[in-house]
């Protein structure tokens, strides 16, 4: 099973309605192919973890890379895993405001430095922060919260 984290920049603005539509579509499509994961959105930037069968995750990444609503798609972390980090979550979602005042390990005030990662991502501080944020999110958010919409989280 493949676990992959990427960042991208939204070319067009995503308001709450557009995020809700994106979440509904992603959850339906992901469930059909066995993908689970987590989506973070802030200041026109997406940070997403996808996990599932390798072929399905790679096909989803091809779709995302070709999607004209994104640019600067950068894979930050890619690894084979034996178990899912977000089982049962077709797409967990966290709005910036829901995390802003929480004591979140790995909390970032910006995703801007992701644009300037070295070729060896493991050398920078981003990957440890990602791992810690993912761990915190998984441990503090019950699986049922993934059904929240952008409207209810903002």
N, C-alpha and C. Protein backbone atom coordinates (compact mmCIF):
# COMPACT_ATOMS: atom_id res chain seq x y z
N UNK A 1 0.85 -1.16 0.00
CA UNK A 1 0.00 0.00 0.00
C UNK A 1 0.90 1.24 0.00
N UNK A 2 0.48 2.25 -0.74
CA UNK A 2 1.26 3.47 -0.89
C UNK A 2 0.65 4.60 -0.07
N UNK A 3 1.50 5.34 0.62
CA UNK A 3 1.11 6.56 1.32
C UNK A 3 1.90 7.70 0.69
N UNK A 4 1.21 8.75 0.27
CA UNK A 4 1.84 9.84 -0.45
C UNK A 4 1.29 11.16 0.07
N UNK A 5 2.18 12.12 0.31
CA UNK A 5 1.79 13.47 0.72
C UNK A 5 2.29 14.43 -0.34
N UNK A 6 1.41 15.31 -0.80
CA UNK A 6 1.82 16.31 -1.79
C UNK A 6 1.28 17.67 -1.38
N UNK A 7 1.86 18.69 -1.96
CA UNK A 7 1.32 20.04 -1.83
C UNK A 7 1.06 20.57 -3.23
N UNK A 8 0.13 21.49 -3.33
CA UNK A 8 -0.13 22.16 -4.60
C UNK A 8 -0.70 23.54 -4.30
N UNK A 9 -0.72 24.36 -5.32
CA UNK A 9 -1.30 25.69 -5.20
C UNK A 9 -2.55 25.75 -6.06
N UNK A 10 -3.61 26.28 -5.50
CA UNK A 10 -4.85 26.44 -6.25
C UNK A 10 -4.68 27.62 -7.20
N UNK A 11 -4.93 27.39 -8.47
CA UNK A 11 -4.84 28.44 -9.49
C UNK A 11 -6.05 29.36 -9.37
N UNK A 12 -7.19 28.78 -9.04
CA UNK A 12 -8.42 29.55 -8.83
C UNK A 12 -8.73 29.53 -7.34
N UNK A 13 -9.44 30.56 -6.88
CA UNK A 13 -9.81 30.60 -5.47
C UNK A 13 -10.80 29.51 -5.12
N UNK A 14 -10.68 28.97 -3.93
CA UNK A 14 -11.61 27.96 -3.43
C UNK A 14 -12.32 28.55 -2.22
N UNK A 15 -13.58 28.95 -2.43
CA UNK A 15 -14.40 29.37 -1.31
C UNK A 15 -14.97 28.14 -0.63
N UNK A 16 -15.78 28.36 0.40
CA UNK A 16 -16.34 27.23 1.15
C UNK A 16 -17.21 26.34 0.28
N UNK A 17 -18.01 26.93 -0.62
CA UNK A 17 -18.85 26.11 -1.49
C UNK A 17 -18.02 25.23 -2.41
N UNK A 18 -16.97 25.80 -2.98
CA UNK A 18 -16.09 25.03 -3.88
C UNK A 18 -15.37 23.92 -3.11
N UNK A 19 -14.95 24.21 -1.88
CA UNK A 19 -14.31 23.17 -1.06
C UNK A 19 -15.29 22.06 -0.72
N UNK A 20 -16.53 22.42 -0.40
CA UNK A 20 -17.54 21.39 -0.13
C UNK A 20 -17.74 20.49 -1.33
N UNK A 21 -17.84 21.11 -2.51
CA UNK A 21 -18.02 20.33 -3.74
C UNK A 21 -16.82 19.42 -3.97
N UNK A 22 -15.63 19.94 -3.77
CA UNK A 22 -14.42 19.15 -3.93
C UNK A 22 -14.41 17.97 -2.97
N UNK A 23 -14.78 18.20 -1.71
CA UNK A 23 -14.80 17.13 -0.71
C UNK A 23 -15.81 16.04 -1.06
N UNK A 24 -17.01 16.44 -1.47
CA UNK A 24 -18.03 15.46 -1.84
C UNK A 24 -17.54 14.60 -2.99
N UNK A 25 -16.99 15.23 -4.02
CA UNK A 25 -16.49 14.48 -5.18
C UNK A 25 -15.33 13.58 -4.78
N UNK A 26 -14.37 14.12 -4.02
CA UNK A 26 -13.19 13.34 -3.64
C UNK A 26 -13.57 12.14 -2.80
N UNK A 27 -14.48 12.32 -1.86
CA UNK A 27 -14.87 11.20 -1.00
C UNK A 27 -15.54 10.09 -1.80
N UNK A 28 -16.40 10.45 -2.72
CA UNK A 28 -17.05 9.44 -3.55
C UNK A 28 -16.05 8.72 -4.43
N UNK A 29 -15.20 9.48 -5.11
CA UNK A 29 -14.20 8.88 -6.01
C UNK A 29 -13.19 8.04 -5.23
N UNK A 30 -12.75 8.53 -4.08
CA UNK A 30 -11.76 7.80 -3.29
C UNK A 30 -12.32 6.49 -2.75
N UNK A 31 -13.55 6.52 -2.29
CA UNK A 31 -14.17 5.30 -1.76
C UNK A 31 -14.25 4.23 -2.84
N UNK A 32 -14.54 4.63 -4.06
CA UNK A 32 -14.68 3.68 -5.17
C UNK A 32 -13.39 2.93 -5.48
N UNK A 33 -12.23 3.55 -5.20
CA UNK A 33 -10.95 2.91 -5.54
C UNK A 33 -10.11 2.56 -4.31
N UNK A 34 -10.68 2.71 -3.12
CA UNK A 34 -9.97 2.29 -1.91
C UNK A 34 -8.93 3.26 -1.40
N UNK A 35 -9.10 4.56 -1.70
CA UNK A 35 -8.17 5.57 -1.20
C UNK A 35 -8.75 6.23 0.04
N UNK A 36 -7.90 6.41 1.05
CA UNK A 36 -8.26 7.17 2.24
C UNK A 36 -7.24 8.29 2.39
N UNK A 37 -7.51 9.23 3.30
CA UNK A 37 -6.53 10.30 3.47
C UNK A 37 -7.04 11.50 4.21
N UNK A 38 -6.32 12.58 4.01
CA UNK A 38 -6.50 13.82 4.75
C UNK A 38 -6.21 14.99 3.81
N UNK A 39 -7.02 16.06 3.91
CA UNK A 39 -6.82 17.26 3.11
C UNK A 39 -6.74 18.47 4.02
N UNK A 40 -5.71 19.27 3.83
CA UNK A 40 -5.59 20.56 4.51
C UNK A 40 -5.58 21.63 3.44
N UNK A 41 -6.25 22.75 3.70
CA UNK A 41 -6.28 23.86 2.74
C UNK A 41 -6.08 25.16 3.50
N UNK A 42 -5.20 25.98 2.96
CA UNK A 42 -4.91 27.27 3.59
C UNK A 42 -4.29 28.20 2.55
N UNK A 43 -4.81 29.42 2.46
CA UNK A 43 -4.22 30.45 1.60
C UNK A 43 -3.91 29.94 0.19
N UNK A 44 -4.87 29.33 -0.44
CA UNK A 44 -4.74 28.82 -1.81
C UNK A 44 -3.75 27.66 -1.93
N UNK A 45 -3.42 27.03 -0.83
CA UNK A 45 -2.49 25.89 -0.86
C UNK A 45 -3.19 24.65 -0.34
N UNK A 46 -2.97 23.54 -1.02
CA UNK A 46 -3.45 22.24 -0.56
C UNK A 46 -2.27 21.43 -0.05
N UNK A 47 -2.51 20.69 0.99
CA UNK A 47 -1.58 19.70 1.49
C UNK A 47 -2.45 18.46 1.70
N UNK A 48 -2.11 17.37 1.03
CA UNK A 48 -2.97 16.21 1.06
C UNK A 48 -2.17 14.94 1.25
N UNK A 49 -2.71 14.04 2.07
CA UNK A 49 -2.17 12.70 2.22
C UNK A 49 -3.15 11.76 1.54
N UNK A 50 -2.63 10.93 0.65
CA UNK A 50 -3.42 9.89 -0.01
C UNK A 50 -2.80 8.55 0.35
N UNK A 51 -3.64 7.56 0.65
CA UNK A 51 -3.12 6.23 0.95
C UNK A 51 -4.08 5.20 0.38
N UNK A 52 -3.50 4.11 -0.10
CA UNK A 52 -4.31 3.04 -0.67
C UNK A 52 -3.50 2.20 -1.62
N UNK A 53 -4.19 1.42 -2.45
CA UNK A 53 -3.48 0.61 -3.43
C UNK A 53 -2.58 1.49 -4.30
N UNK A 54 -1.36 1.05 -4.54
CA UNK A 54 -0.39 1.87 -5.26
C UNK A 54 -0.93 2.38 -6.59
N UNK A 55 -1.53 1.50 -7.38
CA UNK A 55 -2.04 1.91 -8.69
C UNK A 55 -3.10 3.00 -8.56
N UNK A 56 -3.98 2.88 -7.57
CA UNK A 56 -5.04 3.87 -7.38
C UNK A 56 -4.47 5.22 -6.95
N UNK A 57 -3.50 5.20 -6.04
CA UNK A 57 -2.89 6.45 -5.57
C UNK A 57 -2.13 7.13 -6.71
N UNK A 58 -1.39 6.35 -7.49
CA UNK A 58 -0.65 6.95 -8.61
C UNK A 58 -1.60 7.51 -9.67
N UNK A 59 -2.70 6.82 -9.92
CA UNK A 59 -3.68 7.33 -10.89
C UNK A 59 -4.30 8.63 -10.37
N UNK A 60 -4.60 8.69 -9.08
CA UNK A 60 -5.15 9.91 -8.48
C UNK A 60 -4.14 11.06 -8.60
N UNK A 61 -2.86 10.76 -8.36
CA UNK A 61 -1.83 11.80 -8.48
C UNK A 61 -1.70 12.29 -9.93
N UNK A 62 -1.83 11.39 -10.89
CA UNK A 62 -1.81 11.82 -12.30
C UNK A 62 -2.95 12.77 -12.58
N UNK A 63 -4.13 12.44 -12.06
CA UNK A 63 -5.30 13.30 -12.24
C UNK A 63 -5.05 14.67 -11.60
N UNK A 64 -4.53 14.68 -10.38
CA UNK A 64 -4.27 15.93 -9.67
C UNK A 64 -3.23 16.77 -10.41
N UNK A 65 -2.17 16.12 -10.88
CA UNK A 65 -1.11 16.83 -11.60
C UNK A 65 -1.63 17.48 -12.87
N UNK A 66 -2.56 16.82 -13.54
CA UNK A 66 -3.12 17.34 -14.79
C UNK A 66 -4.30 18.28 -14.57
N UNK A 67 -4.82 18.35 -13.38
CA UNK A 67 -5.99 19.19 -13.08
C UNK A 67 -5.59 20.66 -13.23
N UNK A 68 -6.26 21.41 -14.10
CA UNK A 68 -5.88 22.81 -14.34
C UNK A 68 -6.16 23.72 -13.14
N UNK A 69 -6.85 23.23 -12.12
CA UNK A 69 -7.09 24.05 -10.92
C UNK A 69 -5.89 24.08 -10.00
N UNK A 70 -4.85 23.24 -10.28
CA UNK A 70 -3.65 23.15 -9.45
C UNK A 70 -2.41 23.51 -10.26
N UNK A 71 -1.42 24.04 -9.59
CA UNK A 71 -0.07 24.07 -10.15
C UNK A 71 0.91 23.89 -9.00
N UNK A 72 2.17 23.87 -9.31
CA UNK A 72 3.21 23.63 -8.31
C UNK A 72 2.93 22.38 -7.47
N UNK A 73 2.51 21.30 -8.15
CA UNK A 73 2.26 20.04 -7.46
C UNK A 73 3.61 19.43 -7.10
N UNK A 74 3.84 19.21 -5.81
CA UNK A 74 5.11 18.69 -5.31
C UNK A 74 4.87 17.53 -4.38
N UNK A 75 5.43 16.37 -4.69
CA UNK A 75 5.34 15.23 -3.78
C UNK A 75 6.35 15.45 -2.67
N UNK A 76 5.87 15.46 -1.43
CA UNK A 76 6.71 15.73 -0.27
C UNK A 76 7.17 14.45 0.42
N UNK A 77 6.35 13.43 0.35
CA UNK A 77 6.64 12.19 1.05
C UNK A 77 5.94 11.06 0.32
N UNK A 78 6.66 9.99 0.08
CA UNK A 78 6.09 8.82 -0.59
C UNK A 78 6.72 7.60 0.05
N UNK A 79 5.87 6.70 0.57
CA UNK A 79 6.41 5.51 1.22
C UNK A 79 5.41 4.37 1.17
N UNK A 80 5.96 3.15 1.14
CA UNK A 80 5.14 1.96 1.26
C UNK A 80 4.80 1.78 2.72
N UNK A 81 3.53 1.48 3.00
CA UNK A 81 3.09 1.27 4.37
C UNK A 81 2.35 -0.06 4.46
N UNK A 82 2.33 -0.63 5.64
CA UNK A 82 1.62 -1.90 5.82
C UNK A 82 0.20 -1.70 6.31
N UNK A 83 -0.08 -0.51 6.88
CA UNK A 83 -1.44 -0.23 7.32
C UNK A 83 -1.75 1.25 7.09
N UNK A 84 -3.02 1.54 6.99
CA UNK A 84 -3.47 2.91 6.75
C UNK A 84 -3.34 3.76 8.01
N UNK A 85 -3.04 5.03 7.79
CA UNK A 85 -3.05 5.98 8.90
C UNK A 85 -4.46 6.51 9.16
N UNK A 86 -5.30 6.51 8.11
CA UNK A 86 -6.66 7.02 8.21
C UNK A 86 -7.67 6.01 7.67
N UNK A 87 -7.75 4.83 8.29
CA UNK A 87 -8.71 3.83 7.80
C UNK A 87 -10.13 4.36 7.96
N UNK A 88 -10.94 4.16 6.95
CA UNK A 88 -12.33 4.60 7.02
C UNK A 88 -12.54 6.06 6.68
N UNK A 89 -11.48 6.81 6.41
CA UNK A 89 -11.62 8.22 6.06
C UNK A 89 -11.43 8.36 4.55
N UNK A 90 -12.51 8.52 3.82
CA UNK A 90 -12.37 8.71 2.38
C UNK A 90 -11.72 10.05 2.07
N UNK A 91 -11.82 11.01 2.97
CA UNK A 91 -11.05 12.25 2.89
C UNK A 91 -11.33 13.09 4.12
N UNK A 92 -10.46 12.98 5.12
CA UNK A 92 -10.55 13.84 6.28
C UNK A 92 -10.22 15.26 5.86
N UNK A 93 -10.80 16.24 6.54
CA UNK A 93 -10.59 17.63 6.15
C UNK A 93 -10.42 18.49 7.39
N UNK A 94 -9.50 19.41 7.32
CA UNK A 94 -9.33 20.38 8.40
C UNK A 94 -9.21 21.77 7.79
N UNK A 95 -10.10 22.65 8.23
CA UNK A 95 -10.01 24.05 7.82
C UNK A 95 -8.94 24.72 8.66
N UNK A 96 -8.33 25.72 8.10
CA UNK A 96 -7.29 26.47 8.82
C UNK A 96 -7.80 26.95 10.17
N UNK A 97 -9.00 27.50 10.20
CA UNK A 97 -9.52 28.07 11.44
C UNK A 97 -9.72 27.02 12.53
N UNK A 98 -9.99 25.77 12.14
CA UNK A 98 -10.20 24.73 13.15
C UNK A 98 -8.90 24.33 13.82
N UNK A 99 -7.77 24.65 13.22
CA UNK A 99 -6.47 24.30 13.79
C UNK A 99 -5.74 25.49 14.39
N UNK A 100 -6.16 26.68 14.04
CA UNK A 100 -5.39 27.89 14.35
C UNK A 100 -5.01 28.00 15.82
N UNK A 101 -5.96 27.79 16.71
CA UNK A 101 -5.68 28.00 18.12
C UNK A 101 -5.45 26.70 18.88
N UNK A 102 -5.48 25.59 18.18
CA UNK A 102 -5.21 24.31 18.83
C UNK A 102 -3.71 24.16 19.05
N UNK A 103 -3.37 23.40 20.05
CA UNK A 103 -1.96 23.10 20.28
C UNK A 103 -1.60 21.92 19.41
N UNK A 104 -1.20 22.19 18.21
CA UNK A 104 -0.97 21.16 17.20
C UNK A 104 0.51 21.02 16.95
N UNK A 105 1.09 19.86 17.30
CA UNK A 105 2.49 19.65 16.93
C UNK A 105 2.63 19.72 15.41
N UNK A 106 3.65 20.37 14.94
CA UNK A 106 3.84 20.48 13.50
C UNK A 106 2.98 21.54 12.85
N UNK A 107 2.20 22.31 13.64
CA UNK A 107 1.35 23.35 13.07
C UNK A 107 2.21 24.37 12.34
N UNK A 108 1.76 24.74 11.16
CA UNK A 108 2.52 25.66 10.33
C UNK A 108 1.67 26.89 10.07
N UNK A 109 2.28 28.05 10.13
CA UNK A 109 1.55 29.27 9.84
C UNK A 109 1.50 29.54 8.35
N UNK A 110 2.29 28.83 7.58
CA UNK A 110 2.32 29.01 6.13
C UNK A 110 2.83 27.74 5.48
N UNK A 111 2.48 27.55 4.23
CA UNK A 111 3.03 26.45 3.43
C UNK A 111 4.07 26.98 2.45
N UNK A 112 4.42 28.27 2.54
CA UNK A 112 5.28 28.90 1.55
C UNK A 112 6.63 28.22 1.38
N UNK A 113 7.23 27.76 2.48
CA UNK A 113 8.57 27.18 2.35
C UNK A 113 8.57 25.86 1.60
N UNK A 114 7.42 25.26 1.40
CA UNK A 114 7.33 24.03 0.61
C UNK A 114 7.78 24.29 -0.82
N UNK A 115 7.58 25.50 -1.31
CA UNK A 115 8.00 25.85 -2.67
C UNK A 115 9.51 25.80 -2.85
N UNK A 116 10.25 25.84 -1.76
CA UNK A 116 11.70 25.94 -1.84
C UNK A 116 12.40 24.73 -1.22
N UNK A 117 11.76 23.58 -1.32
CA UNK A 117 12.36 22.37 -0.75
C UNK A 117 13.57 21.92 -1.55
N UNK A 118 14.56 21.37 -0.86
CA UNK A 118 15.70 20.79 -1.59
C UNK A 118 15.25 19.50 -2.27
N UNK A 119 16.07 19.00 -3.20
CA UNK A 119 15.73 17.76 -3.88
C UNK A 119 15.54 16.61 -2.90
N UNK A 120 16.33 16.59 -1.83
CA UNK A 120 16.21 15.57 -0.80
C UNK A 120 15.30 16.13 0.30
N UNK A 121 13.99 15.88 0.18
CA UNK A 121 13.03 16.45 1.12
C UNK A 121 13.30 16.03 2.56
N UNK A 122 13.89 14.86 2.76
CA UNK A 122 14.16 14.37 4.11
C UNK A 122 15.15 15.29 4.83
N UNK A 123 15.90 16.09 4.07
CA UNK A 123 16.91 16.95 4.69
C UNK A 123 16.30 18.17 5.35
N UNK A 124 15.10 18.56 4.95
CA UNK A 124 14.50 19.76 5.50
C UNK A 124 13.57 19.48 6.66
N UNK A 125 13.05 20.54 7.29
CA UNK A 125 12.18 20.40 8.45
C UNK A 125 10.74 20.05 8.09
N UNK A 126 10.38 20.07 6.82
CA UNK A 126 8.99 19.89 6.42
C UNK A 126 8.49 18.48 6.69
N UNK A 127 9.27 17.46 6.35
CA UNK A 127 8.80 16.08 6.50
C UNK A 127 8.55 15.72 7.96
N UNK A 128 9.45 16.03 8.90
CA UNK A 128 9.12 15.75 10.30
C UNK A 128 7.86 16.49 10.77
N UNK A 129 7.69 17.72 10.33
CA UNK A 129 6.49 18.48 10.69
C UNK A 129 5.25 17.81 10.11
N UNK A 130 5.33 17.33 8.87
CA UNK A 130 4.21 16.62 8.26
C UNK A 130 3.86 15.38 9.06
N UNK A 131 4.87 14.59 9.38
CA UNK A 131 4.62 13.35 10.14
C UNK A 131 3.96 13.65 11.49
N UNK A 132 4.42 14.68 12.16
CA UNK A 132 3.86 15.02 13.46
C UNK A 132 2.43 15.53 13.33
N UNK A 133 2.17 16.36 12.34
CA UNK A 133 0.83 16.87 12.11
C UNK A 133 -0.13 15.74 11.76
N UNK A 134 0.29 14.84 10.91
CA UNK A 134 -0.54 13.68 10.54
C UNK A 134 -0.85 12.84 11.77
N UNK A 135 0.15 12.57 12.57
CA UNK A 135 -0.04 11.76 13.78
C UNK A 135 -1.03 12.45 14.73
N UNK A 136 -0.85 13.77 14.93
CA UNK A 136 -1.76 14.50 15.81
C UNK A 136 -3.19 14.45 15.28
N UNK A 137 -3.36 14.69 13.99
CA UNK A 137 -4.69 14.71 13.40
C UNK A 137 -5.37 13.36 13.57
N UNK A 138 -4.64 12.30 13.30
CA UNK A 138 -5.18 10.95 13.41
C UNK A 138 -5.58 10.63 14.85
N UNK A 139 -4.78 11.05 15.80
CA UNK A 139 -5.03 10.71 17.21
C UNK A 139 -6.11 11.56 17.86
N UNK A 140 -6.33 12.77 17.37
CA UNK A 140 -7.28 13.67 18.05
C UNK A 140 -8.61 13.83 17.34
N UNK A 141 -8.71 13.36 16.11
CA UNK A 141 -9.96 13.49 15.38
C UNK A 141 -10.56 12.12 15.14
N UNK A 142 -11.73 11.83 15.73
CA UNK A 142 -12.35 10.54 15.45
C UNK A 142 -12.74 10.43 13.99
N UNK A 143 -12.78 9.22 13.48
CA UNK A 143 -13.04 9.00 12.06
C UNK A 143 -14.32 9.66 11.59
N UNK A 144 -15.34 9.79 12.43
CA UNK A 144 -16.59 10.40 12.02
C UNK A 144 -16.47 11.86 11.63
N UNK A 145 -15.44 12.55 12.11
CA UNK A 145 -15.30 13.97 11.81
C UNK A 145 -14.92 14.21 10.36
N UNK A 146 -14.52 13.18 9.65
CA UNK A 146 -14.16 13.37 8.26
C UNK A 146 -15.35 13.76 7.42
N UNK A 147 -16.53 13.54 7.90
CA UNK A 147 -17.73 13.89 7.15
C UNK A 147 -18.05 15.37 7.22
N UNK A 148 -17.37 16.10 8.06
CA UNK A 148 -17.61 17.53 8.16
C UNK A 148 -17.32 18.19 6.81
N UNK A 149 -18.07 19.21 6.53
CA UNK A 149 -17.86 19.95 5.29
C UNK A 149 -17.00 21.17 5.56
N UNK A 150 -16.59 21.80 4.52
CA UNK A 150 -15.83 23.04 4.67
C UNK A 150 -16.70 24.09 5.36
N UNK A 151 -18.00 24.10 5.06
CA UNK A 151 -18.91 25.07 5.67
C UNK A 151 -18.94 24.92 7.18
N UNK A 152 -19.01 23.68 7.67
CA UNK A 152 -19.14 23.48 9.10
C UNK A 152 -17.82 23.59 9.83
N UNK A 153 -16.69 23.56 9.11
CA UNK A 153 -15.38 23.61 9.74
C UNK A 153 -14.79 25.01 9.74
N UNK A 154 -15.32 25.91 8.94
CA UNK A 154 -14.71 27.23 8.83
C UNK A 154 -15.24 28.16 9.90
